[in-house]
N, C-alpha and C. Protein backbone atom coordinates (compact mmCIF):
# COMPACT_ATOMS: atom_id res chain seq x y z
N MET A 1 8.91 -22.84 -2.65
CA MET A 1 7.98 -22.07 -1.86
C MET A 1 6.94 -21.44 -2.79
N ALA A 2 5.68 -21.61 -2.47
CA ALA A 2 4.60 -21.08 -3.31
C ALA A 2 4.55 -19.56 -3.22
N MET A 3 4.25 -18.94 -4.35
CA MET A 3 4.06 -17.50 -4.39
C MET A 3 2.57 -17.24 -4.17
N ASN A 4 2.22 -16.85 -2.98
CA ASN A 4 0.82 -16.74 -2.59
C ASN A 4 0.19 -15.37 -2.84
N TYR A 5 1.00 -14.34 -3.01
CA TYR A 5 0.47 -12.99 -3.16
C TYR A 5 1.01 -12.32 -4.40
N THR A 6 0.12 -11.64 -5.11
CA THR A 6 0.51 -10.81 -6.25
C THR A 6 0.61 -9.38 -5.74
N VAL A 7 1.70 -8.72 -6.09
CA VAL A 7 1.93 -7.34 -5.65
C VAL A 7 1.44 -6.40 -6.74
N ILE A 8 0.57 -5.49 -6.37
CA ILE A 8 -0.08 -4.58 -7.31
C ILE A 8 0.20 -3.14 -6.90
N ALA A 9 0.58 -2.33 -7.88
CA ALA A 9 0.81 -0.90 -7.63
C ALA A 9 -0.43 -0.11 -8.03
N GLN A 10 -0.75 0.89 -7.23
CA GLN A 10 -1.79 1.84 -7.60
C GLN A 10 -1.19 3.24 -7.57
N SER A 11 -1.48 4.01 -8.61
CA SER A 11 -0.96 5.37 -8.71
C SER A 11 -1.75 6.31 -7.80
N ARG A 12 -1.23 7.50 -7.64
CA ARG A 12 -1.91 8.51 -6.84
C ARG A 12 -3.31 8.77 -7.42
N ASP A 13 -3.40 8.88 -8.74
CA ASP A 13 -4.70 9.12 -9.37
C ASP A 13 -5.67 7.97 -9.11
N GLU A 14 -5.18 6.74 -9.13
CA GLU A 14 -6.05 5.58 -8.87
C GLU A 14 -6.59 5.59 -7.45
N ILE A 15 -5.74 5.93 -6.49
CA ILE A 15 -6.21 5.87 -5.10
C ILE A 15 -7.15 7.02 -4.74
N LEU A 16 -7.20 8.04 -5.58
CA LEU A 16 -8.17 9.13 -5.35
C LEU A 16 -9.60 8.69 -5.66
N ASP A 17 -9.76 7.61 -6.42
CA ASP A 17 -11.08 7.07 -6.75
C ASP A 17 -11.43 5.97 -5.75
N PRO A 18 -12.45 6.18 -4.92
CA PRO A 18 -12.82 5.17 -3.92
C PRO A 18 -13.15 3.80 -4.51
N GLU A 19 -13.52 3.75 -5.78
CA GLU A 19 -13.82 2.47 -6.43
C GLU A 19 -12.58 1.58 -6.55
N ASN A 20 -11.40 2.15 -6.36
CA ASN A 20 -10.16 1.39 -6.43
C ASN A 20 -9.66 0.94 -5.06
N ALA A 21 -10.53 1.03 -4.05
CA ALA A 21 -10.18 0.60 -2.70
C ALA A 21 -10.85 -0.75 -2.42
N PRO A 22 -10.08 -1.82 -2.37
CA PRO A 22 -10.67 -3.14 -2.12
C PRO A 22 -11.50 -3.19 -0.84
N SER A 23 -11.05 -2.49 0.20
CA SER A 23 -11.77 -2.54 1.47
C SER A 23 -13.16 -1.91 1.38
N LEU A 24 -13.38 -1.05 0.39
CA LEU A 24 -14.69 -0.41 0.21
C LEU A 24 -15.56 -1.11 -0.83
N THR A 25 -14.95 -1.79 -1.78
CA THR A 25 -15.71 -2.28 -2.93
C THR A 25 -15.90 -3.79 -2.99
N MET A 26 -15.02 -4.55 -2.36
CA MET A 26 -15.13 -6.01 -2.51
C MET A 26 -16.36 -6.59 -1.82
N TRP A 27 -16.66 -6.14 -0.60
CA TRP A 27 -17.80 -6.71 0.11
C TRP A 27 -19.11 -6.44 -0.63
N PRO A 28 -19.40 -5.21 -1.05
CA PRO A 28 -20.63 -4.99 -1.82
C PRO A 28 -20.70 -5.85 -3.09
N TYR A 29 -19.56 -6.04 -3.75
CA TYR A 29 -19.54 -6.89 -4.95
C TYR A 29 -19.86 -8.34 -4.59
N LEU A 30 -19.29 -8.82 -3.50
CA LEU A 30 -19.58 -10.20 -3.08
C LEU A 30 -21.06 -10.38 -2.79
N ILE A 31 -21.68 -9.40 -2.16
CA ILE A 31 -23.11 -9.48 -1.87
C ILE A 31 -23.93 -9.44 -3.16
N GLN A 32 -23.60 -8.50 -4.04
CA GLN A 32 -24.35 -8.35 -5.30
C GLN A 32 -24.28 -9.61 -6.17
N THR A 33 -23.17 -10.33 -6.07
CA THR A 33 -22.98 -11.52 -6.91
C THR A 33 -23.20 -12.82 -6.14
N SER A 34 -23.73 -12.72 -4.93
CA SER A 34 -24.02 -13.88 -4.08
C SER A 34 -22.79 -14.77 -3.87
N GLN A 35 -21.65 -14.14 -3.62
CA GLN A 35 -20.40 -14.88 -3.40
C GLN A 35 -19.83 -14.62 -2.00
N GLU A 36 -20.70 -14.36 -1.03
CA GLU A 36 -20.25 -14.00 0.31
C GLU A 36 -19.32 -15.03 0.94
N THR A 37 -19.49 -16.30 0.57
CA THR A 37 -18.66 -17.35 1.17
C THR A 37 -17.18 -17.20 0.80
N LEU A 38 -16.89 -16.46 -0.26
CA LEU A 38 -15.49 -16.23 -0.64
C LEU A 38 -14.74 -15.40 0.39
N LEU A 39 -15.46 -14.68 1.23
CA LEU A 39 -14.80 -13.81 2.22
C LEU A 39 -13.79 -14.58 3.05
N ARG A 40 -14.07 -15.84 3.34
CA ARG A 40 -13.16 -16.65 4.17
C ARG A 40 -11.88 -17.05 3.44
N THR A 41 -11.80 -16.76 2.14
CA THR A 41 -10.62 -17.16 1.37
C THR A 41 -9.88 -15.97 0.76
N ILE A 42 -10.43 -14.78 0.90
CA ILE A 42 -9.82 -13.57 0.32
C ILE A 42 -8.84 -12.97 1.31
N SER A 43 -7.70 -12.52 0.80
CA SER A 43 -6.71 -11.85 1.64
C SER A 43 -6.09 -10.71 0.85
N VAL A 44 -6.32 -9.49 1.34
CA VAL A 44 -5.77 -8.29 0.70
C VAL A 44 -5.06 -7.46 1.77
N TYR A 45 -3.80 -7.19 1.53
CA TYR A 45 -3.01 -6.32 2.39
C TYR A 45 -2.67 -5.05 1.63
N THR A 46 -2.39 -3.99 2.35
CA THR A 46 -2.00 -2.73 1.73
C THR A 46 -0.79 -2.14 2.44
N ASP A 47 -0.01 -1.40 1.69
CA ASP A 47 1.16 -0.72 2.24
C ASP A 47 1.36 0.57 1.45
N LYS A 48 2.03 1.51 2.06
CA LYS A 48 2.28 2.77 1.35
C LYS A 48 3.30 2.54 0.24
N GLY A 49 3.14 3.29 -0.82
CA GLY A 49 4.07 3.20 -1.93
C GLY A 49 5.24 4.14 -1.76
N THR A 50 6.03 4.24 -2.82
CA THR A 50 7.25 5.04 -2.75
C THR A 50 7.32 6.13 -3.81
N SER A 51 6.28 6.24 -4.64
CA SER A 51 6.30 7.25 -5.70
C SER A 51 4.87 7.58 -6.12
N ARG A 52 4.73 8.57 -6.98
CA ARG A 52 3.41 8.95 -7.48
C ARG A 52 2.78 7.80 -8.27
N GLU A 53 3.61 7.07 -9.02
CA GLU A 53 3.12 5.95 -9.82
C GLU A 53 2.80 4.73 -8.96
N GLN A 54 3.44 4.65 -7.80
CA GLN A 54 3.20 3.53 -6.87
C GLN A 54 2.87 4.11 -5.50
N ALA A 55 1.77 4.87 -5.44
CA ALA A 55 1.39 5.53 -4.19
C ALA A 55 0.87 4.55 -3.15
N ARG A 56 0.26 3.47 -3.61
CA ARG A 56 -0.22 2.41 -2.72
C ARG A 56 0.15 1.08 -3.34
N VAL A 57 0.53 0.13 -2.49
CA VAL A 57 0.85 -1.21 -2.95
C VAL A 57 -0.14 -2.17 -2.29
N LEU A 58 -0.75 -3.00 -3.11
CA LEU A 58 -1.68 -4.01 -2.62
C LEU A 58 -1.04 -5.38 -2.77
N TYR A 59 -1.31 -6.25 -1.83
CA TYR A 59 -0.86 -7.64 -1.87
C TYR A 59 -2.13 -8.49 -1.86
N MET A 60 -2.42 -9.15 -2.98
CA MET A 60 -3.65 -9.93 -3.10
C MET A 60 -3.33 -11.40 -3.31
N ASN A 61 -4.07 -12.26 -2.59
CA ASN A 61 -3.94 -13.68 -2.88
C ASN A 61 -4.71 -13.98 -4.17
N THR A 62 -4.62 -15.20 -4.65
CA THR A 62 -5.21 -15.56 -5.94
C THR A 62 -6.71 -15.31 -5.99
N VAL A 63 -7.42 -15.66 -4.93
CA VAL A 63 -8.87 -15.46 -4.91
C VAL A 63 -9.20 -13.97 -5.00
N ALA A 64 -8.49 -13.15 -4.24
CA ALA A 64 -8.73 -11.71 -4.27
C ALA A 64 -8.42 -11.12 -5.64
N LEU A 65 -7.32 -11.54 -6.24
CA LEU A 65 -6.96 -11.01 -7.56
C LEU A 65 -7.99 -11.42 -8.62
N THR A 66 -8.46 -12.65 -8.55
CA THR A 66 -9.49 -13.11 -9.49
C THR A 66 -10.76 -12.27 -9.32
N LEU A 67 -11.15 -12.02 -8.09
CA LEU A 67 -12.33 -11.20 -7.81
C LEU A 67 -12.12 -9.77 -8.31
N TRP A 68 -10.95 -9.19 -8.05
CA TRP A 68 -10.63 -7.83 -8.47
C TRP A 68 -10.77 -7.68 -9.98
N ARG A 69 -10.29 -8.67 -10.70
CA ARG A 69 -10.41 -8.65 -12.17
C ARG A 69 -11.87 -8.82 -12.60
N ALA A 70 -12.61 -9.68 -11.91
CA ALA A 70 -14.03 -9.86 -12.22
C ALA A 70 -14.81 -8.57 -11.98
N MET A 71 -14.31 -7.74 -11.10
CA MET A 71 -14.94 -6.45 -10.81
C MET A 71 -14.59 -5.41 -11.88
N GLY A 72 -13.81 -5.81 -12.87
CA GLY A 72 -13.47 -4.91 -13.96
C GLY A 72 -12.20 -4.12 -13.76
N ARG A 73 -11.44 -4.45 -12.75
CA ARG A 73 -10.19 -3.73 -12.49
C ARG A 73 -9.07 -4.32 -13.34
N THR A 74 -8.15 -3.48 -13.76
CA THR A 74 -6.97 -3.92 -14.52
C THR A 74 -5.73 -3.54 -13.71
N PRO A 75 -5.29 -4.42 -12.84
CA PRO A 75 -4.20 -4.10 -11.93
C PRO A 75 -2.84 -3.97 -12.62
N THR A 76 -2.01 -3.11 -12.05
CA THR A 76 -0.62 -2.99 -12.48
C THR A 76 0.19 -3.94 -11.60
N ILE A 77 0.54 -5.09 -12.15
CA ILE A 77 1.23 -6.12 -11.38
C ILE A 77 2.73 -5.88 -11.39
N LEU A 78 3.31 -5.91 -10.19
CA LEU A 78 4.75 -5.72 -10.05
C LEU A 78 5.49 -7.04 -9.98
N LEU A 79 5.01 -7.94 -9.13
CA LEU A 79 5.67 -9.23 -8.93
C LEU A 79 4.79 -10.12 -8.07
N GLU A 80 5.28 -11.31 -7.78
CA GLU A 80 4.61 -12.22 -6.87
C GLU A 80 5.57 -12.57 -5.75
N GLN A 81 5.03 -12.81 -4.57
CA GLN A 81 5.87 -13.19 -3.44
C GLN A 81 5.08 -14.08 -2.50
N HIS A 82 5.81 -14.72 -1.58
CA HIS A 82 5.20 -15.71 -0.69
C HIS A 82 4.19 -15.10 0.27
N ARG A 83 4.53 -13.97 0.87
CA ARG A 83 3.64 -13.34 1.85
C ARG A 83 3.85 -11.84 1.84
N PRO A 84 2.89 -11.08 2.35
CA PRO A 84 3.07 -9.63 2.43
C PRO A 84 4.16 -9.29 3.45
N PRO A 85 4.79 -8.13 3.32
CA PRO A 85 5.78 -7.74 4.32
C PRO A 85 5.10 -7.43 5.66
N LYS A 86 5.85 -7.46 6.71
CA LYS A 86 5.30 -7.21 8.05
C LYS A 86 4.76 -5.79 8.20
N THR A 87 5.19 -4.87 7.34
CA THR A 87 4.71 -3.49 7.40
C THR A 87 3.33 -3.33 6.76
N ALA A 88 2.90 -4.29 5.97
CA ALA A 88 1.59 -4.21 5.30
C ALA A 88 0.47 -4.50 6.30
N LEU A 89 -0.66 -3.83 6.07
CA LEU A 89 -1.82 -3.99 6.94
C LEU A 89 -2.93 -4.75 6.21
N LEU A 90 -3.61 -5.61 6.94
CA LEU A 90 -4.73 -6.33 6.36
C LEU A 90 -5.83 -5.33 6.03
N ALA A 91 -6.23 -5.26 4.76
CA ALA A 91 -7.25 -4.31 4.32
C ALA A 91 -8.61 -4.97 4.15
N PHE A 92 -8.61 -6.26 3.78
CA PHE A 92 -9.88 -6.95 3.55
C PHE A 92 -9.64 -8.45 3.58
N GLY A 93 -10.59 -9.17 4.16
CA GLY A 93 -10.50 -10.62 4.16
C GLY A 93 -9.81 -11.19 5.38
N VAL A 94 -9.13 -12.29 5.17
CA VAL A 94 -8.50 -13.03 6.27
C VAL A 94 -6.98 -12.89 6.22
N PRO A 95 -6.33 -13.00 7.39
CA PRO A 95 -4.87 -12.87 7.42
C PRO A 95 -4.16 -14.01 6.70
N PHE A 96 -2.92 -13.73 6.32
CA PHE A 96 -2.03 -14.73 5.73
C PHE A 96 -1.83 -15.86 6.73
N SER A 97 -1.83 -17.09 6.23
CA SER A 97 -1.46 -18.21 7.08
C SER A 97 -0.85 -19.29 6.22
N GLU A 98 0.03 -20.05 6.79
CA GLU A 98 0.74 -21.10 6.05
C GLU A 98 -0.03 -22.40 6.13
């Protein structure tokens, strides 16, 4: 089974900075870099974390993670998994599909 999503932790301090919110920053970046067509391939989910160090958990597919890094972000990667959990909410892009 392919591991389609990378699980990323964001600390409480990170989530206080709006620049660390994919739902707020990815679309402007796509426009600025003329990559709007990637929107149909990006999938980012979010879920609440369980500690100060992992206050928010992001689930990014490969395209989203590549874009996030191109935006200068250095994610704290926890693991990879096939799909986001059912409790996670779509934050940006398109839903998971097989």
